N, C-alpha and C. Protein backbone atom coordinates (compact mmCIF):
# COMPACT_ATOMS: atom_id res chain seq x y z
N MET A 1 33.84 -81.21 -11.07
CA MET A 1 33.81 -82.75 -11.75
C MET A 1 32.51 -82.06 -12.76
N LEU A 2 32.27 -80.72 -13.11
CA LEU A 2 31.76 -80.08 -14.36
C LEU A 2 32.98 -80.41 -15.27
N LEU A 3 33.79 -79.29 -14.89
CA LEU A 3 35.21 -79.17 -15.30
C LEU A 3 35.65 -80.01 -15.91
N ALA A 4 36.10 -81.13 -15.15
CA ALA A 4 37.06 -82.58 -15.66
C ALA A 4 36.13 -83.02 -16.94
N TRP A 5 34.37 -83.04 -17.04
CA TRP A 5 34.07 -83.68 -17.87
C TRP A 5 34.11 -82.77 -18.97
N GLN A 6 34.51 -81.37 -19.09
CA GLN A 6 34.81 -80.25 -20.28
C GLN A 6 36.03 -80.69 -20.66
N LEU A 7 36.54 -81.00 -19.84
CA LEU A 7 38.32 -81.47 -20.59
C LEU A 7 38.46 -82.34 -21.15
N VAL A 8 37.01 -83.10 -20.57
CA VAL A 8 37.07 -84.83 -21.50
C VAL A 8 36.36 -84.67 -22.70
N LYS A 9 35.21 -83.50 -23.28
CA LYS A 9 34.26 -84.06 -23.87
C LYS A 9 35.05 -82.41 -24.83
N ARG A 10 35.65 -81.57 -25.02
CA ARG A 10 36.37 -80.40 -25.73
C ARG A 10 37.53 -80.65 -25.52
N ASN A 11 38.98 -81.65 -24.67
CA ASN A 11 40.27 -81.61 -25.32
C ASN A 11 40.48 -82.77 -25.44
N GLY A 12 39.71 -83.90 -25.15
CA GLY A 12 39.92 -84.99 -25.66
C GLY A 12 40.35 -85.81 -24.41
N TYR A 13 40.58 -84.98 -22.56
CA TYR A 13 41.57 -86.28 -21.94
C TYR A 13 40.67 -87.28 -21.88
N SER A 14 41.74 -88.34 -20.82
CA SER A 14 40.58 -89.15 -20.11
C SER A 14 40.30 -89.23 -18.34
N ILE A 15 39.80 -89.35 -18.59
CA ILE A 15 39.44 -89.61 -16.81
C ILE A 15 40.65 -88.53 -16.22
N SER A 16 41.11 -90.13 -16.10
CA SER A 16 42.18 -89.40 -15.45
C SER A 16 42.37 -88.31 -15.02
N GLU A 17 42.99 -87.94 -16.60
CA GLU A 17 44.14 -86.26 -16.75
C GLU A 17 42.87 -85.05 -16.81
N ALA A 18 41.88 -85.58 -16.77
CA ALA A 18 40.89 -84.55 -16.54
C ALA A 18 41.33 -84.15 -15.72
N LEU A 19 40.70 -85.34 -14.52
CA LEU A 19 40.42 -84.81 -13.20
C LEU A 19 41.53 -84.49 -12.51
N ARG A 20 43.02 -84.78 -12.88
CA ARG A 20 44.06 -84.22 -12.52
C ARG A 20 44.24 -82.54 -12.64
N THR A 21 44.19 -82.54 -13.87
CA THR A 21 43.61 -81.23 -14.01
C THR A 21 42.55 -80.39 -13.58
N ALA A 22 41.61 -80.68 -13.02
CA ALA A 22 40.73 -79.43 -12.81
C ALA A 22 40.86 -79.73 -11.22
N TRP A 23 41.52 -80.48 -10.83
CA TRP A 23 42.28 -80.11 -9.10
C TRP A 23 42.78 -79.60 -9.10
N LEU A 24 44.02 -79.49 -10.32
CA LEU A 24 45.75 -78.74 -10.16
C LEU A 24 44.34 -77.23 -10.19
N ASN A 25 43.20 -77.28 -11.01
CA ASN A 25 42.67 -75.61 -11.27
C ASN A 25 41.93 -75.28 -10.05
N ILE A 26 41.70 -75.78 -9.68
CA ILE A 26 40.39 -75.76 -7.97
C ILE A 26 41.66 -75.28 -7.18
N LYS A 27 42.94 -76.12 -6.64
CA LYS A 27 43.18 -75.42 -5.62
C LYS A 27 44.33 -74.32 -6.32
N LEU A 28 44.89 -74.05 -7.72
CA LEU A 28 45.82 -72.64 -8.04
C LEU A 28 44.74 -72.04 -7.83
N LYS A 29 43.18 -71.43 -7.79
CA LYS A 29 42.06 -70.78 -7.60
C LYS A 29 41.80 -70.63 -6.48
N PHE A 30 42.41 -71.15 -5.00
CA PHE A 30 41.65 -71.09 -4.34
C PHE A 30 43.41 -70.74 -3.55
N GLU A 31 44.50 -70.90 -4.18
CA GLU A 31 45.20 -70.39 -3.56
C GLU A 31 45.94 -68.49 -3.64
N MET A 32 44.62 -68.58 -4.97
CA MET A 32 45.42 -67.44 -5.72
C MET A 32 44.87 -66.86 -4.69
N LEU A 33 43.03 -67.03 -4.26
CA LEU A 33 42.44 -65.95 -3.61
C LEU A 33 43.13 -65.65 -1.99
N GLY A 34 44.03 -66.13 -1.92
CA GLY A 34 45.30 -65.35 -0.45
C GLY A 34 46.52 -64.64 -0.26
N LYS A 35 46.69 -64.67 -1.36
CA LYS A 35 48.04 -65.03 -1.73
C LYS A 35 48.24 -64.41 -3.70
N ILE A 36 49.74 -64.53 -3.33
CA ILE A 36 50.35 -64.34 -4.99
C ILE A 36 51.21 -66.30 -5.04
N VAL A 37 50.23 -66.52 -6.43
CA VAL A 37 51.10 -68.01 -6.65
C VAL A 37 52.27 -68.02 -7.73
N LYS A 38 53.32 -68.27 -7.79
CA LYS A 38 53.62 -69.14 -8.78
C LYS A 38 52.98 -70.17 -9.86
N PHE A 39 53.36 -69.92 -10.95
CA PHE A 39 52.54 -71.58 -11.78
C PHE A 39 52.78 -71.47 -12.94
N TYR A 40 52.58 -71.99 -13.66
CA TYR A 40 53.24 -72.65 -14.89
C TYR A 40 51.95 -73.22 -16.11
N TYR A 41 51.35 -72.20 -17.47
CA TYR A 41 50.79 -73.09 -18.19
C TYR A 41 51.49 -72.84 -19.43
N GLN A 42 50.68 -73.22 -20.66
CA GLN A 42 51.04 -73.63 -22.17
C GLN A 42 50.73 -72.45 -22.72
N LYS A 43 51.64 -71.44 -23.01
CA LYS A 43 50.43 -70.78 -23.84
C LYS A 43 49.85 -71.35 -25.58
N VAL A 44 48.79 -70.47 -26.21
CA VAL A 44 48.45 -70.86 -27.40
C VAL A 44 49.91 -71.42 -28.50
N ASP A 45 50.72 -70.39 -28.44
CA ASP A 45 51.64 -70.88 -29.60
C ASP A 45 52.99 -71.87 -29.05
N GLY A 46 52.03 -72.45 -27.76
CA GLY A 46 53.22 -74.01 -27.61
C GLY A 46 54.42 -73.56 -26.86
N SER A 47 54.31 -72.25 -26.37
CA SER A 47 55.21 -72.27 -25.34
C SER A 47 54.76 -71.87 -23.73
N MET A 48 55.67 -72.22 -23.03
CA MET A 48 55.58 -72.72 -21.49
C MET A 48 55.67 -71.66 -21.03
N ARG A 49 54.78 -70.76 -20.38
CA ARG A 49 54.57 -69.36 -19.52
C ARG A 49 55.01 -69.73 -18.37
N GLU A 50 55.72 -68.83 -17.34
CA GLU A 50 56.12 -68.75 -15.96
C GLU A 50 55.14 -67.31 -15.51
N ALA A 51 54.22 -67.90 -14.66
CA ALA A 51 53.03 -66.53 -13.88
C ALA A 51 53.27 -66.47 -12.81
N TYR A 52 53.23 -65.05 -12.08
CA TYR A 52 52.66 -64.62 -11.08
C TYR A 52 51.74 -64.07 -10.59
N GLY A 53 50.31 -65.06 -10.18
CA GLY A 53 49.19 -64.14 -10.18
C GLY A 53 48.26 -64.26 -8.93
N THR A 54 47.78 -63.61 -8.74
CA THR A 54 46.70 -63.40 -7.53
C THR A 54 45.13 -62.92 -7.85
N LEU A 55 44.36 -63.29 -7.24
CA LEU A 55 43.13 -63.04 -7.11
C LEU A 55 42.78 -62.12 -5.61
N LYS A 56 43.53 -62.35 -4.67
CA LYS A 56 43.60 -61.10 -3.35
C LYS A 56 42.60 -60.04 -3.76
N HIS A 57 41.38 -59.50 -2.97
CA HIS A 57 41.47 -58.28 -2.91
C HIS A 57 42.27 -57.38 -2.99
N GLU A 58 42.85 -57.23 -1.75
CA GLU A 58 43.70 -55.99 -0.89
C GLU A 58 44.79 -55.66 -2.71
N LEU A 59 44.91 -56.77 -3.18
CA LEU A 59 46.22 -56.44 -4.16
C LEU A 59 45.71 -56.07 -5.71
N VAL A 60 44.26 -56.50 -5.89
CA VAL A 60 43.89 -56.05 -6.91
C VAL A 60 43.10 -55.20 -7.41
N PRO A 61 43.32 -54.25 -8.72
CA PRO A 61 42.40 -53.18 -9.25
C PRO A 61 40.75 -53.37 -9.02
N GLU A 62 40.15 -52.47 -9.67
CA GLU A 62 39.07 -53.08 -9.42
C GLU A 62 38.40 -53.45 -11.31
N ALA A 63 37.95 -54.52 -11.48
CA ALA A 63 37.69 -55.06 -12.42
C ALA A 63 36.60 -54.55 -13.29
N GLY A 64 36.62 -53.31 -14.31
CA GLY A 64 35.59 -52.91 -14.64
C GLY A 64 34.90 -53.65 -16.29
N SER A 65 34.61 -54.43 -16.63
CA SER A 65 34.80 -55.44 -17.86
C SER A 65 33.55 -55.25 -17.88
N ASN A 66 33.07 -55.47 -18.78
CA ASN A 66 30.93 -55.90 -19.30
C ASN A 66 31.78 -56.93 -20.12
N ARG A 67 32.48 -58.37 -19.81
CA ARG A 67 32.48 -59.28 -20.61
C ARG A 67 31.56 -60.27 -20.26
N ARG A 68 31.52 -61.32 -20.82
CA ARG A 68 30.79 -62.46 -20.42
C ARG A 68 31.85 -63.62 -20.05
N PRO A 69 31.00 -63.86 -18.36
CA PRO A 69 32.14 -65.12 -17.78
C PRO A 69 32.56 -66.26 -18.70
N ASN A 70 33.39 -66.68 -18.76
CA ASN A 70 34.07 -67.80 -19.36
C ASN A 70 34.86 -69.00 -18.81
N ASP A 71 34.10 -70.14 -19.01
CA ASP A 71 34.26 -71.39 -18.15
C ASP A 71 35.23 -72.65 -18.30
N THR A 72 35.62 -71.94 -19.26
CA THR A 72 37.28 -72.80 -20.15
C THR A 72 38.52 -71.78 -19.32
N VAL A 73 38.49 -70.55 -19.57
CA VAL A 73 39.18 -69.73 -18.86
C VAL A 73 39.64 -69.54 -17.75
N GLN A 74 40.68 -69.01 -16.91
CA GLN A 74 40.72 -68.65 -15.01
C GLN A 74 41.26 -67.71 -15.86
N VAL A 75 41.17 -66.44 -15.32
CA VAL A 75 41.52 -65.31 -15.27
C VAL A 75 42.49 -64.76 -13.73
N TYR A 76 43.22 -63.93 -13.76
CA TYR A 76 44.11 -63.45 -12.89
C TYR A 76 44.61 -62.47 -13.16
N PHE A 77 45.54 -62.04 -11.56
CA PHE A 77 46.38 -60.96 -11.95
C PHE A 77 47.38 -60.51 -11.96
N ASP A 78 48.17 -60.57 -12.94
CA ASP A 78 49.72 -61.01 -12.95
C ASP A 78 50.23 -60.24 -12.23
N THR A 79 50.86 -60.37 -11.23
CA THR A 79 51.76 -59.28 -10.36
C THR A 79 53.31 -58.89 -11.25
N GLU A 80 53.34 -59.17 -12.14
CA GLU A 80 54.91 -58.69 -13.06
C GLU A 80 53.96 -57.73 -13.67
N ARG A 81 53.65 -57.81 -14.53
CA ARG A 81 52.65 -56.82 -15.58
C ARG A 81 51.53 -56.02 -14.80
N GLN A 82 51.61 -56.10 -13.82
CA GLN A 82 50.32 -55.10 -13.07
C GLN A 82 49.02 -55.00 -14.29
N GLU A 83 48.93 -56.17 -14.69
CA GLU A 83 47.21 -56.54 -15.22
C GLU A 83 47.02 -57.67 -15.21
N TRP A 84 44.89 -57.23 -15.80
CA TRP A 84 44.38 -59.23 -16.03
C TRP A 84 45.31 -59.73 -16.88
N ARG A 85 44.86 -61.23 -17.25
CA ARG A 85 45.11 -61.85 -17.97
C ARG A 85 44.60 -63.36 -17.79
N CYS A 86 44.45 -63.85 -18.62
CA CYS A 86 44.00 -65.04 -18.38
C CYS A 86 44.57 -66.31 -19.04
N PHE A 87 44.43 -67.31 -19.01
CA PHE A 87 44.59 -68.65 -19.95
C PHE A 87 43.90 -70.00 -19.71
N LYS A 88 43.89 -71.03 -20.80
CA LYS A 88 42.58 -72.14 -20.89
C LYS A 88 43.62 -72.68 -19.56
N LYS A 89 41.60 -73.44 -18.97
CA LYS A 89 42.14 -73.99 -17.84
C LYS A 89 42.81 -75.25 -17.91
N ALA A 90 42.88 -76.08 -19.57
CA ALA A 90 43.33 -77.14 -20.10
C ALA A 90 44.78 -77.15 -19.98
N ASN A 91 45.02 -76.03 -20.25
CA ASN A 91 46.72 -75.91 -20.38
C ASN A 91 47.21 -75.16 -18.90
N LEU A 92 47.20 -75.38 -17.81
CA LEU A 92 47.74 -75.48 -17.29
C LEU A 92 48.96 -76.62 -16.50
N ILE A 93 50.10 -76.64 -16.03
CA ILE A 93 51.49 -77.13 -16.38
C ILE A 93 51.04 -77.69 -14.55
N LYS A 94 51.71 -76.27 -14.12
CA LYS A 94 51.93 -77.01 -12.57
C LYS A 94 51.81 -75.59 -11.53
N ILE A 95 51.75 -75.72 -10.80
CA ILE A 95 52.19 -74.98 -9.47
C ILE A 95 53.11 -74.74 -8.29
N ALA A 96 54.04 -74.18 -8.57
CA ALA A 96 55.18 -73.78 -7.83
C ALA A 96 54.82 -73.76 -6.55
């Protein structure tokens, strides 16, 4: 619910759009904890990106970053490029 309210306040989403996007983000994170997931999101430049990502501990390297956590972005390990990446949660389009 917190993510949905953030989407309404920061991005101007309607309540129904915000709830749909928030649930899609929760579903994506849950699926990435167990396997490699194919999903799509809109990049900052407006183009759509197809990504294959995971958060499964056996498949990702150690993350040795000193960055502060940011609740508006989703961090994932890109299995095609073998590096950590992130995208804005508001820009998630679909999970394949």
